[in-house]
Amino acid sequence: MKREVKRFAGLVGAWFLILISQAAVMAQSADEIAKAVLPLPEDLRADATIYIYDENGNRKILRPGSNMVECMPKNPEDGFTRCYNKITADRRDFQAKLKAKKMSRQEITAAMEQATKEGRIKSAPYGLINYRYSDDDKRIKLLWIMSVPNATPETVGVSTVSQRAAALKGKGLPWMMLPGTPGAHIMIPINNTPLSNHE
């Protein structure tokens, strides 16, 4: 009888530990989801999709959404939290598969360009905005990035002089990178961080 009681107590203890572990995972997931939408304007956060990629480059949905944007929790490799328009999901899914194959950055870039040229993935539409956030004081806290394929300073009317140093002081202005190429984009530092509105 004592052996059965002891065994029962052990099972109860094991189940209790499992429940605690599950609660901790759920709390961590909720925290990840809350932080994953920090790059977005507040009106887009509640309905954004949250997702990750597994080690094989397969997409895993953490929270389904109903609007046009989707976000990934903080990337441990570079410390950035990013949100994108769903229109470019095929590009990111393709890139995740390449990264899972341990391809170098140069190899991935070349493969992406080739796949775009062949029509296997779509290029980012003109004017599309991606969102990026970092809690590192040595990086621009909040950055919106507008895709302007093949645009130049003359056609858009924006400087190519980096505003990174000014942006780190909360005084950044937009600037263009990779002008005249398919990857041309405008960096738009946002002086108010996502957290400043709640402090």
N, C-alpha and C. Protein backbone atom coordinates (compact mmCIF):
# COMPACT_ATOMS: atom_id res chain seq x y z
N MET A 1 0.83 -1.21 0.00
CA MET A 1 0.00 0.00 0.00
C MET A 1 0.86 1.25 0.00
N LYS A 2 1.91 1.23 0.86
CA LYS A 2 2.81 2.38 0.93
C LYS A 2 3.49 2.62 -0.42
N ARG A 3 3.83 1.50 -1.10
CA ARG A 3 4.49 1.62 -2.40
C ARG A 3 3.56 2.28 -3.42
N GLU A 4 2.25 1.91 -3.37
CA GLU A 4 1.28 2.50 -4.30
C GLU A 4 1.08 3.98 -4.02
N VAL A 5 1.02 4.36 -2.73
CA VAL A 5 0.86 5.77 -2.36
C VAL A 5 2.06 6.58 -2.83
N LYS A 6 3.25 6.00 -2.63
CA LYS A 6 4.49 6.67 -3.04
C LYS A 6 4.52 6.86 -4.56
N ARG A 7 4.08 5.79 -5.26
CA ARG A 7 4.06 5.85 -6.72
C ARG A 7 3.07 6.92 -7.19
N PHE A 8 1.89 6.97 -6.53
CA PHE A 8 0.88 7.95 -6.88
C PHE A 8 1.40 9.37 -6.65
N ALA A 9 2.09 9.57 -5.54
CA ALA A 9 2.66 10.88 -5.22
C ALA A 9 3.68 11.28 -6.27
N GLY A 10 4.46 10.28 -6.73
CA GLY A 10 5.45 10.56 -7.76
C GLY A 10 4.80 10.99 -9.06
N LEU A 11 3.68 10.33 -9.42
CA LEU A 11 2.98 10.69 -10.66
C LEU A 11 2.38 12.09 -10.56
N VAL A 12 1.80 12.39 -9.38
CA VAL A 12 1.23 13.73 -9.17
C VAL A 12 2.32 14.78 -9.29
N GLY A 13 3.49 14.49 -8.70
CA GLY A 13 4.60 15.43 -8.77
C GLY A 13 5.07 15.64 -10.20
N ALA A 14 5.11 14.56 -10.96
CA ALA A 14 5.55 14.65 -12.36
C ALA A 14 4.57 15.50 -13.18
N TRP A 15 3.27 15.24 -12.99
CA TRP A 15 2.25 16.03 -13.71
C TRP A 15 2.33 17.49 -13.31
N PHE A 16 2.60 17.75 -12.01
CA PHE A 16 2.70 19.12 -11.53
C PHE A 16 3.85 19.84 -12.22
N LEU A 17 4.98 19.17 -12.37
CA LEU A 17 6.14 19.75 -13.04
C LEU A 17 5.84 20.02 -14.52
N ILE A 18 5.10 19.11 -15.15
CA ILE A 18 4.73 19.29 -16.56
C ILE A 18 3.84 20.52 -16.72
N LEU A 19 2.86 20.68 -15.81
CA LEU A 19 1.97 21.83 -15.87
C LEU A 19 2.72 23.13 -15.68
N ILE A 20 3.69 23.14 -14.74
CA ILE A 20 4.50 24.34 -14.52
C ILE A 20 5.31 24.66 -15.77
N SER A 21 5.88 23.62 -16.38
CA SER A 21 6.69 23.80 -17.58
C SER A 21 5.85 24.37 -18.72
N GLN A 22 4.62 23.82 -18.89
CA GLN A 22 3.73 24.30 -19.94
C GLN A 22 3.33 25.75 -19.71
N ALA A 23 3.08 26.12 -18.46
CA ALA A 23 2.71 27.49 -18.12
C ALA A 23 3.86 28.44 -18.44
N ALA A 24 5.09 28.00 -18.16
CA ALA A 24 6.27 28.83 -18.44
C ALA A 24 6.43 29.04 -19.94
N VAL A 25 6.21 27.98 -20.73
CA VAL A 25 6.32 28.08 -22.18
C VAL A 25 5.27 29.03 -22.73
N MET A 26 4.03 28.93 -22.21
CA MET A 26 2.94 29.80 -22.67
C MET A 26 3.24 31.26 -22.34
N ALA A 27 3.80 31.49 -21.13
CA ALA A 27 4.13 32.86 -20.74
C ALA A 27 5.24 33.42 -21.62
N GLN A 28 6.22 32.56 -21.94
CA GLN A 28 7.31 32.99 -22.80
C GLN A 28 6.79 33.31 -24.20
N SER A 29 5.88 32.47 -24.72
CA SER A 29 5.31 32.69 -26.05
C SER A 29 4.53 34.00 -26.09
N ALA A 30 3.75 34.27 -25.04
CA ALA A 30 2.97 35.51 -24.98
C ALA A 30 3.89 36.71 -24.97
N ASP A 31 5.00 36.60 -24.24
CA ASP A 31 5.97 37.70 -24.17
C ASP A 31 6.64 37.90 -25.52
N GLU A 32 6.99 36.80 -26.20
CA GLU A 32 7.60 36.89 -27.53
C GLU A 32 6.66 37.56 -28.51
N ILE A 33 5.39 37.20 -28.45
CA ILE A 33 4.39 37.77 -29.36
C ILE A 33 4.23 39.27 -29.11
N ALA A 34 4.18 39.66 -27.83
CA ALA A 34 4.03 41.08 -27.48
C ALA A 34 5.21 41.89 -28.01
N LYS A 35 6.40 41.34 -27.89
CA LYS A 35 7.60 42.05 -28.33
C LYS A 35 7.78 41.99 -29.85
N ALA A 36 7.24 40.96 -30.49
CA ALA A 36 7.42 40.78 -31.93
C ALA A 36 6.77 41.90 -32.73
N VAL A 37 5.73 42.52 -32.18
CA VAL A 37 5.01 43.56 -32.93
C VAL A 37 5.49 44.96 -32.61
N LEU A 38 6.54 45.11 -31.79
CA LEU A 38 7.04 46.43 -31.42
C LEU A 38 7.44 47.31 -32.61
N PRO A 39 7.95 46.76 -33.72
CA PRO A 39 8.32 47.64 -34.84
C PRO A 39 7.13 48.31 -35.51
N LEU A 40 5.93 47.81 -35.29
CA LEU A 40 4.76 48.27 -36.04
C LEU A 40 4.08 49.49 -35.42
N PRO A 41 3.38 50.28 -36.23
CA PRO A 41 2.47 51.29 -35.67
C PRO A 41 1.42 50.56 -34.82
N GLU A 42 0.93 51.20 -33.79
CA GLU A 42 0.05 50.52 -32.84
C GLU A 42 -1.21 49.95 -33.48
N ASP A 43 -1.75 50.61 -34.51
CA ASP A 43 -3.00 50.13 -35.10
C ASP A 43 -2.83 48.85 -35.90
N LEU A 44 -1.58 48.45 -36.19
CA LEU A 44 -1.34 47.22 -36.95
C LEU A 44 -0.98 46.03 -36.06
N ARG A 45 -0.72 46.27 -34.80
CA ARG A 45 -0.16 45.23 -33.94
C ARG A 45 -1.12 44.08 -33.62
N ALA A 46 -2.35 44.40 -33.26
CA ALA A 46 -3.28 43.37 -32.76
C ALA A 46 -3.60 42.31 -33.80
N ASP A 47 -3.59 42.67 -35.09
CA ASP A 47 -4.00 41.72 -36.13
C ASP A 47 -2.84 41.19 -36.96
N ALA A 48 -1.60 41.42 -36.52
CA ALA A 48 -0.43 40.94 -37.25
C ALA A 48 -0.20 39.46 -36.98
N THR A 49 0.26 38.74 -37.99
CA THR A 49 0.65 37.34 -37.85
C THR A 49 2.04 37.27 -37.23
N ILE A 50 2.24 36.32 -36.31
CA ILE A 50 3.56 36.11 -35.71
C ILE A 50 4.04 34.72 -36.11
N TYR A 51 5.27 34.64 -36.60
CA TYR A 51 5.77 33.35 -37.08
C TYR A 51 7.27 33.21 -36.85
N ILE A 52 7.77 31.99 -36.98
CA ILE A 52 9.19 31.70 -36.91
C ILE A 52 9.51 30.66 -37.98
N TYR A 53 10.78 30.36 -38.14
CA TYR A 53 11.22 29.27 -39.00
C TYR A 53 11.93 28.23 -38.15
N ASP A 54 11.70 26.94 -38.44
CA ASP A 54 12.42 25.91 -37.72
C ASP A 54 13.78 25.68 -38.36
N GLU A 55 14.52 24.70 -37.85
CA GLU A 55 15.89 24.47 -38.31
C GLU A 55 15.96 24.03 -39.77
N ASN A 56 14.83 23.59 -40.31
CA ASN A 56 14.79 23.18 -41.72
C ASN A 56 14.25 24.27 -42.64
N GLY A 57 13.99 25.44 -42.07
CA GLY A 57 13.49 26.54 -42.88
C GLY A 57 12.00 26.48 -43.13
N ASN A 58 11.29 25.71 -42.32
CA ASN A 58 9.84 25.61 -42.47
C ASN A 58 9.16 26.66 -41.59
N ARG A 59 8.16 27.30 -42.12
CA ARG A 59 7.43 28.35 -41.40
C ARG A 59 6.52 27.74 -40.33
N LYS A 60 6.56 28.32 -39.12
CA LYS A 60 5.70 27.90 -38.02
C LYS A 60 4.94 29.12 -37.50
N ILE A 61 3.62 29.07 -37.52
CA ILE A 61 2.80 30.20 -37.07
C ILE A 61 2.63 30.15 -35.55
N LEU A 62 3.03 31.22 -34.87
CA LEU A 62 2.83 31.33 -33.43
C LEU A 62 1.49 31.97 -33.11
N ARG A 63 1.08 32.92 -33.97
CA ARG A 63 -0.23 33.54 -33.82
C ARG A 63 -0.75 33.96 -35.19
N PRO A 64 -1.87 33.41 -35.63
CA PRO A 64 -2.42 33.82 -36.93
C PRO A 64 -2.95 35.25 -36.85
N GLY A 65 -2.87 35.96 -37.97
CA GLY A 65 -3.35 37.33 -38.00
C GLY A 65 -4.27 37.57 -39.19
N SER A 66 -4.85 38.76 -39.25
CA SER A 66 -5.83 39.04 -40.30
C SER A 66 -5.49 40.28 -41.13
N ASN A 67 -4.40 40.99 -40.81
CA ASN A 67 -4.06 42.14 -41.63
C ASN A 67 -2.91 41.82 -42.59
N MET A 68 -2.28 42.85 -43.14
CA MET A 68 -1.31 42.63 -44.21
C MET A 68 0.12 42.42 -43.74
N VAL A 69 0.36 42.45 -42.44
CA VAL A 69 1.74 42.35 -41.95
C VAL A 69 1.95 41.10 -41.11
N GLU A 70 3.20 40.67 -41.07
CA GLU A 70 3.59 39.53 -40.24
C GLU A 70 4.96 39.82 -39.63
N CYS A 71 5.16 39.35 -38.42
CA CYS A 71 6.36 39.68 -37.65
C CYS A 71 7.04 38.42 -37.12
N MET A 72 8.34 38.55 -36.91
CA MET A 72 9.12 37.49 -36.30
C MET A 72 9.68 38.00 -34.97
N PRO A 73 9.73 37.14 -33.94
CA PRO A 73 10.34 37.55 -32.68
C PRO A 73 11.81 37.92 -32.89
N LYS A 74 12.40 38.50 -31.89
CA LYS A 74 13.79 38.97 -31.95
C LYS A 74 14.73 37.88 -32.46
N ASN A 75 15.53 38.23 -33.46
CA ASN A 75 16.50 37.31 -34.04
C ASN A 75 17.74 37.28 -33.14
N PRO A 76 18.07 36.13 -32.53
CA PRO A 76 19.22 36.07 -31.63
C PRO A 76 20.55 36.30 -32.34
N GLU A 77 20.59 36.14 -33.66
CA GLU A 77 21.83 36.31 -34.40
C GLU A 77 22.23 37.78 -34.54
N ASP A 78 21.25 38.66 -34.78
CA ASP A 78 21.59 40.07 -34.96
C ASP A 78 20.86 41.02 -34.01
N GLY A 79 19.95 40.48 -33.20
CA GLY A 79 19.26 41.30 -32.21
C GLY A 79 18.10 42.12 -32.73
N PHE A 80 17.69 41.93 -34.00
CA PHE A 80 16.61 42.72 -34.58
C PHE A 80 15.28 41.98 -34.51
N THR A 81 14.22 42.75 -34.29
CA THR A 81 12.85 42.27 -34.43
C THR A 81 12.32 42.88 -35.71
N ARG A 82 11.73 42.06 -36.59
CA ARG A 82 11.33 42.54 -37.91
C ARG A 82 9.88 42.20 -38.24
N CYS A 83 9.26 43.10 -39.00
CA CYS A 83 7.91 42.87 -39.53
C CYS A 83 7.91 43.18 -41.02
N TYR A 84 7.11 42.42 -41.77
CA TYR A 84 7.09 42.53 -43.22
C TYR A 84 5.66 42.51 -43.74
N ASN A 85 5.50 42.95 -44.99
CA ASN A 85 4.23 42.78 -45.67
C ASN A 85 4.12 41.33 -46.15
N LYS A 86 2.92 40.75 -46.06
CA LYS A 86 2.73 39.36 -46.46
C LYS A 86 3.00 39.12 -47.94
N ILE A 87 2.98 40.20 -48.73
CA ILE A 87 3.24 40.07 -50.16
C ILE A 87 4.60 39.43 -50.44
N THR A 88 5.56 39.68 -49.54
CA THR A 88 6.92 39.17 -49.75
C THR A 88 7.19 37.88 -48.97
N ALA A 89 6.15 37.21 -48.52
CA ALA A 89 6.33 35.99 -47.73
C ALA A 89 7.11 34.92 -48.50
N ASP A 90 6.85 34.80 -49.81
CA ASP A 90 7.54 33.76 -50.58
C ASP A 90 9.05 34.01 -50.63
N ARG A 91 9.46 35.27 -50.64
CA ARG A 91 10.89 35.61 -50.63
C ARG A 91 11.54 35.17 -49.32
N ARG A 92 10.87 35.46 -48.22
CA ARG A 92 11.44 35.10 -46.92
C ARG A 92 11.43 33.59 -46.68
N ASP A 93 10.39 32.92 -47.14
CA ASP A 93 10.33 31.47 -47.02
C ASP A 93 11.45 30.81 -47.83
N PHE A 94 11.69 31.33 -49.03
CA PHE A 94 12.75 30.82 -49.88
C PHE A 94 14.12 31.06 -49.24
N GLN A 95 14.29 32.26 -48.69
CA GLN A 95 15.55 32.59 -48.04
C GLN A 95 15.80 31.71 -46.82
N ALA A 96 14.74 31.40 -46.06
CA ALA A 96 14.87 30.55 -44.88
C ALA A 96 15.35 29.15 -45.26
N LYS A 97 14.85 28.65 -46.39
CA LYS A 97 15.30 27.34 -46.87
C LYS A 97 16.78 27.36 -47.22
N LEU A 98 17.23 28.46 -47.82
CA LEU A 98 18.64 28.58 -48.19
C LEU A 98 19.52 28.66 -46.94
N LYS A 99 19.07 29.42 -45.95
CA LYS A 99 19.83 29.53 -44.71
C LYS A 99 19.93 28.20 -44.00
N ALA A 100 18.86 27.41 -44.08
CA ALA A 100 18.85 26.08 -43.45
C ALA A 100 19.88 25.15 -44.08
N LYS A 101 20.24 25.45 -45.33
CA LYS A 101 21.27 24.67 -46.02
C LYS A 101 22.68 25.15 -45.71
N LYS A 102 22.79 26.11 -44.79
CA LYS A 102 24.08 26.67 -44.35
C LYS A 102 24.81 27.40 -45.48
N MET A 103 24.06 27.99 -46.39
CA MET A 103 24.66 28.76 -47.46
C MET A 103 25.18 30.09 -46.92
N SER A 104 26.23 30.63 -47.53
CA SER A 104 26.78 31.90 -47.10
C SER A 104 25.87 33.04 -47.52
N ARG A 105 26.09 34.23 -46.96
CA ARG A 105 25.28 35.40 -47.30
C ARG A 105 25.37 35.71 -48.79
N GLN A 106 26.60 35.60 -49.33
CA GLN A 106 26.79 35.87 -50.75
C GLN A 106 26.05 34.85 -51.62
N GLU A 107 26.08 33.58 -51.21
CA GLU A 107 25.38 32.54 -51.95
C GLU A 107 23.87 32.74 -51.91
N ILE A 108 23.38 33.14 -50.74
CA ILE A 108 21.95 33.39 -50.59
C ILE A 108 21.51 34.56 -51.46
N THR A 109 22.31 35.63 -51.44
CA THR A 109 21.99 36.81 -52.26
C THR A 109 21.94 36.44 -53.73
N ALA A 110 22.93 35.68 -54.19
CA ALA A 110 22.97 35.27 -55.59
C ALA A 110 21.79 34.39 -55.95
N ALA A 111 21.43 33.46 -55.05
CA ALA A 111 20.31 32.55 -55.30
C ALA A 111 18.99 33.31 -55.32
N MET A 112 18.86 34.31 -54.44
CA MET A 112 17.64 35.12 -54.42
C MET A 112 17.50 35.92 -55.71
N GLU A 113 18.60 36.50 -56.15
CA GLU A 113 18.57 37.28 -57.40
C GLU A 113 18.21 36.41 -58.59
N GLN A 114 18.77 35.19 -58.63
CA GLN A 114 18.49 34.27 -59.73
C GLN A 114 17.03 33.82 -59.71
N ALA A 115 16.53 33.50 -58.53
CA ALA A 115 15.14 33.06 -58.40
C ALA A 115 14.16 34.17 -58.78
N THR A 116 14.53 35.41 -58.44
CA THR A 116 13.69 36.55 -58.81
C THR A 116 13.69 36.74 -60.33
N LYS A 117 14.87 36.64 -60.91
CA LYS A 117 15.01 36.80 -62.36
C LYS A 117 14.22 35.75 -63.12
N GLU A 118 14.19 34.53 -62.58
CA GLU A 118 13.48 33.42 -63.23
C GLU A 118 11.99 33.43 -62.92
N GLY A 119 11.55 34.30 -62.02
CA GLY A 119 10.14 34.39 -61.69
C GLY A 119 9.68 33.38 -60.66
N ARG A 120 10.61 32.70 -60.00
CA ARG A 120 10.21 31.72 -58.98
C ARG A 120 9.78 32.40 -57.69
N ILE A 121 10.29 33.59 -57.44
CA ILE A 121 9.82 34.41 -56.33
C ILE A 121 9.61 35.83 -56.85
N LYS A 122 8.70 36.55 -56.23
CA LYS A 122 8.38 37.90 -56.69
C LYS A 122 9.31 38.92 -56.05
N SER A 123 9.61 39.98 -56.79
CA SER A 123 10.39 41.07 -56.22
C SER A 123 9.49 41.93 -55.34
N ALA A 124 10.09 42.66 -54.41
CA ALA A 124 9.30 43.51 -53.53
C ALA A 124 8.70 44.67 -54.32
N PRO A 125 7.40 44.93 -54.18
CA PRO A 125 6.76 46.03 -54.92
C PRO A 125 7.33 47.39 -54.53
N TYR A 126 7.27 48.33 -55.43
CA TYR A 126 7.74 49.69 -55.18
C TYR A 126 6.91 50.31 -54.07
N GLY A 127 7.59 50.90 -53.11
CA GLY A 127 6.91 51.58 -52.01
C GLY A 127 6.58 50.71 -50.82
N LEU A 128 6.90 49.42 -50.89
CA LEU A 128 6.62 48.51 -49.78
C LEU A 128 7.46 48.89 -48.57
N ILE A 129 6.87 48.81 -47.37
CA ILE A 129 7.60 49.15 -46.15
C ILE A 129 7.77 47.93 -45.26
N ASN A 130 9.02 47.74 -44.79
CA ASN A 130 9.34 46.76 -43.76
C ASN A 130 9.68 47.52 -42.48
N TYR A 131 9.57 46.83 -41.35
CA TYR A 131 9.76 47.48 -40.05
C TYR A 131 10.82 46.73 -39.25
N ARG A 132 11.65 47.50 -38.54
CA ARG A 132 12.72 46.88 -37.76
C ARG A 132 12.89 47.59 -36.42
N TYR A 133 13.12 46.81 -35.37
CA TYR A 133 13.30 47.37 -34.03
C TYR A 133 14.48 46.68 -33.34
N SER A 134 15.22 47.46 -32.53
CA SER A 134 16.30 46.90 -31.73
C SER A 134 16.30 47.57 -30.37
N ASP A 135 16.59 46.79 -29.32
CA ASP A 135 16.70 47.38 -27.99
C ASP A 135 18.15 47.65 -27.62
N ASP A 136 19.05 47.55 -28.61
CA ASP A 136 20.48 47.81 -28.42
C ASP A 136 20.74 49.31 -28.62
N ASP A 137 21.31 49.96 -27.63
CA ASP A 137 21.56 51.40 -27.71
C ASP A 137 22.57 51.76 -28.80
N LYS A 138 23.31 50.78 -29.30
CA LYS A 138 24.29 51.05 -30.34
C LYS A 138 23.70 50.90 -31.75
N ARG A 139 22.41 50.61 -31.81
CA ARG A 139 21.71 50.48 -33.09
C ARG A 139 20.55 51.46 -33.15
N ILE A 140 20.09 51.74 -34.36
CA ILE A 140 18.90 52.58 -34.51
C ILE A 140 17.73 51.80 -33.90
N LYS A 141 17.04 52.41 -32.97
CA LYS A 141 15.98 51.71 -32.25
C LYS A 141 14.84 51.26 -33.16
N LEU A 142 14.29 52.20 -33.91
CA LEU A 142 13.13 51.92 -34.74
C LEU A 142 13.39 52.43 -36.15
N LEU A 143 13.27 51.53 -37.12
CA LEU A 143 13.61 51.87 -38.50
C LEU A 143 12.55 51.30 -39.43
N TRP A 144 12.01 52.15 -40.29
CA TRP A 144 11.11 51.70 -41.35
C TRP A 144 11.89 51.76 -42.65
N ILE A 145 11.77 50.73 -43.47
CA ILE A 145 12.57 50.61 -44.69
C ILE A 145 11.64 50.50 -45.88
N MET A 146 11.69 51.49 -46.77
CA MET A 146 10.82 51.52 -47.94
C MET A 146 11.56 51.01 -49.17
N SER A 147 10.99 50.02 -49.83
CA SER A 147 11.58 49.47 -51.05
C SER A 147 11.26 50.36 -52.24
N VAL A 148 12.32 50.77 -52.96
CA VAL A 148 12.13 51.61 -54.16
C VAL A 148 13.03 51.07 -55.27
N PRO A 149 12.72 49.89 -55.81
CA PRO A 149 13.59 49.25 -56.81
C PRO A 149 13.98 50.18 -57.95
N ASN A 150 15.30 50.23 -58.21
CA ASN A 150 15.89 50.98 -59.32
C ASN A 150 15.77 52.50 -59.19
N ALA A 151 15.27 53.00 -58.08
CA ALA A 151 15.16 54.45 -57.89
C ALA A 151 16.53 55.06 -57.65
N THR A 152 16.64 56.35 -57.91
CA THR A 152 17.87 57.10 -57.68
C THR A 152 17.53 58.32 -56.84
N PRO A 153 18.53 58.99 -56.28
CA PRO A 153 18.25 60.22 -55.51
C PRO A 153 17.49 61.25 -56.34
N GLU A 154 17.79 61.30 -57.63
CA GLU A 154 17.14 62.28 -58.50
C GLU A 154 15.66 61.97 -58.72
N THR A 155 15.31 60.69 -58.83
CA THR A 155 13.91 60.33 -59.09
C THR A 155 13.05 60.39 -57.84
N VAL A 156 13.67 60.21 -56.69
CA VAL A 156 12.91 60.17 -55.43
C VAL A 156 13.07 61.46 -54.63
N GLY A 157 14.25 62.09 -54.75
CA GLY A 157 14.48 63.32 -54.00
C GLY A 157 14.90 63.07 -52.57
N VAL A 158 15.83 62.14 -52.38
CA VAL A 158 16.29 61.84 -51.03
C VAL A 158 17.81 61.69 -51.05
N SER A 159 18.45 62.02 -49.96
CA SER A 159 19.90 61.97 -49.86
C SER A 159 20.40 60.53 -49.77
N THR A 160 21.66 60.34 -50.17
CA THR A 160 22.30 59.03 -49.99
C THR A 160 23.31 59.08 -48.83
N VAL A 161 23.38 60.21 -48.15
CA VAL A 161 24.29 60.35 -47.01
C VAL A 161 23.68 59.67 -45.78
N SER A 162 24.40 58.71 -45.22
CA SER A 162 23.88 57.97 -44.07
C SER A 162 23.52 58.90 -42.91
N GLN A 163 22.38 58.64 -42.32
CA GLN A 163 21.90 59.40 -41.16
C GLN A 163 21.99 58.56 -39.89
N ARG A 164 22.78 57.49 -39.93
CA ARG A 164 22.84 56.57 -38.80
C ARG A 164 23.28 57.26 -37.51
N ALA A 165 24.36 58.05 -37.58
CA ALA A 165 24.87 58.71 -36.37
C ALA A 165 23.82 59.64 -35.77
N ALA A 166 23.14 60.39 -36.63
CA ALA A 166 22.10 61.30 -36.14
C ALA A 166 20.92 60.51 -35.59
N ALA A 167 20.59 59.39 -36.25
CA ALA A 167 19.45 58.58 -35.81
C ALA A 167 19.70 57.98 -34.43
N LEU A 168 20.94 57.65 -34.13
CA LEU A 168 21.27 57.11 -32.81
C LEU A 168 21.03 58.14 -31.71
N LYS A 169 21.01 59.42 -32.09
CA LYS A 169 20.74 60.50 -31.14
C LYS A 169 19.28 60.94 -31.20
N GLY A 170 18.47 60.19 -31.97
CA GLY A 170 17.05 60.54 -32.08
C GLY A 170 16.78 61.68 -33.03
N LYS A 171 17.72 61.95 -33.96
CA LYS A 171 17.56 63.07 -34.89
C LYS A 171 17.73 62.63 -36.34
N GLY A 172 17.42 61.39 -36.61
CA GLY A 172 17.66 60.86 -37.94
C GLY A 172 16.70 61.36 -39.00
N LEU A 173 17.17 61.39 -40.25
CA LEU A 173 16.37 61.73 -41.42
C LEU A 173 16.50 60.58 -42.42
N PRO A 174 15.59 60.48 -43.37
CA PRO A 174 15.66 59.38 -44.36
C PRO A 174 16.90 59.49 -45.23
N TRP A 175 17.40 58.32 -45.68
CA TRP A 175 18.46 58.29 -46.67
C TRP A 175 18.33 57.03 -47.52
N MET A 176 18.87 57.09 -48.73
CA MET A 176 18.74 55.98 -49.67
C MET A 176 19.99 55.10 -49.67
N MET A 177 19.77 53.81 -49.82
CA MET A 177 20.87 52.86 -49.97
C MET A 177 20.70 52.08 -51.27
N LEU A 178 21.77 51.66 -51.86
CA LEU A 178 21.80 50.89 -53.11
C LEU A 178 21.03 51.58 -54.24
N PRO A 179 21.23 52.88 -54.44
CA PRO A 179 20.49 53.60 -55.48
C PRO A 179 20.73 53.01 -56.87
N GLY A 180 19.67 53.03 -57.70
CA GLY A 180 19.79 52.56 -59.07
C GLY A 180 19.87 51.06 -59.24
N THR A 181 19.59 50.30 -58.19
CA THR A 181 19.63 48.84 -58.26
C THR A 181 18.27 48.27 -57.87
N PRO A 182 18.01 47.00 -58.19
CA PRO A 182 16.74 46.38 -57.78
C PRO A 182 16.54 46.39 -56.26
N GLY A 183 17.65 46.47 -55.52
CA GLY A 183 17.56 46.47 -54.06
C GLY A 183 17.53 47.86 -53.44
N ALA A 184 17.33 48.89 -54.24
CA ALA A 184 17.31 50.26 -53.71
C ALA A 184 16.22 50.41 -52.65
N HIS A 185 16.57 51.06 -51.55
CA HIS A 185 15.59 51.26 -50.48
C HIS A 185 15.91 52.52 -49.70
N ILE A 186 14.89 53.04 -49.02
CA ILE A 186 15.04 54.25 -48.22
C ILE A 186 14.94 53.88 -46.75
N MET A 187 15.96 54.25 -45.99
CA MET A 187 15.99 54.01 -44.56
C MET A 187 15.31 55.19 -43.87
N ILE A 188 14.29 54.90 -43.06
CA ILE A 188 13.52 55.96 -42.40
C ILE A 188 13.57 55.75 -40.89
N PRO A 189 14.52 56.39 -40.20
CA PRO A 189 14.58 56.24 -38.74
C PRO A 189 13.41 56.96 -38.08
N ILE A 190 12.76 56.29 -37.14
CA ILE A 190 11.64 56.87 -36.41
C ILE A 190 12.16 57.32 -35.05
N ASN A 191 12.03 58.60 -34.75
CA ASN A 191 12.67 59.14 -33.55
C ASN A 191 12.00 58.69 -32.25
N ASN A 192 10.70 58.38 -32.31
CA ASN A 192 10.03 57.86 -31.12
C ASN A 192 10.09 56.35 -31.13
N THR A 193 10.59 55.74 -30.07
CA THR A 193 10.64 54.29 -30.00
C THR A 193 9.28 53.74 -29.64
N PRO A 194 9.02 52.44 -29.91
CA PRO A 194 7.72 51.84 -29.57
C PRO A 194 7.40 51.91 -28.09
N LEU A 195 8.44 51.98 -27.24
CA LEU A 195 8.21 51.95 -25.82
C LEU A 195 8.00 53.34 -25.23
N SER A 196 8.44 54.38 -25.96
CA SER A 196 8.39 55.73 -25.41
C SER A 196 6.96 56.21 -25.16
N ASN A 197 6.02 55.68 -25.94
CA ASN A 197 4.63 56.08 -25.79
C ASN A 197 3.97 55.50 -24.54
N HIS A 198 4.65 54.52 -23.93
CA HIS A 198 4.05 53.84 -22.79
C HIS A 198 4.83 54.11 -21.50
N GLU A 199 5.87 54.92 -21.58
CA GLU A 199 6.69 55.18 -20.39
C GLU A 199 6.11 56.31 -19.57
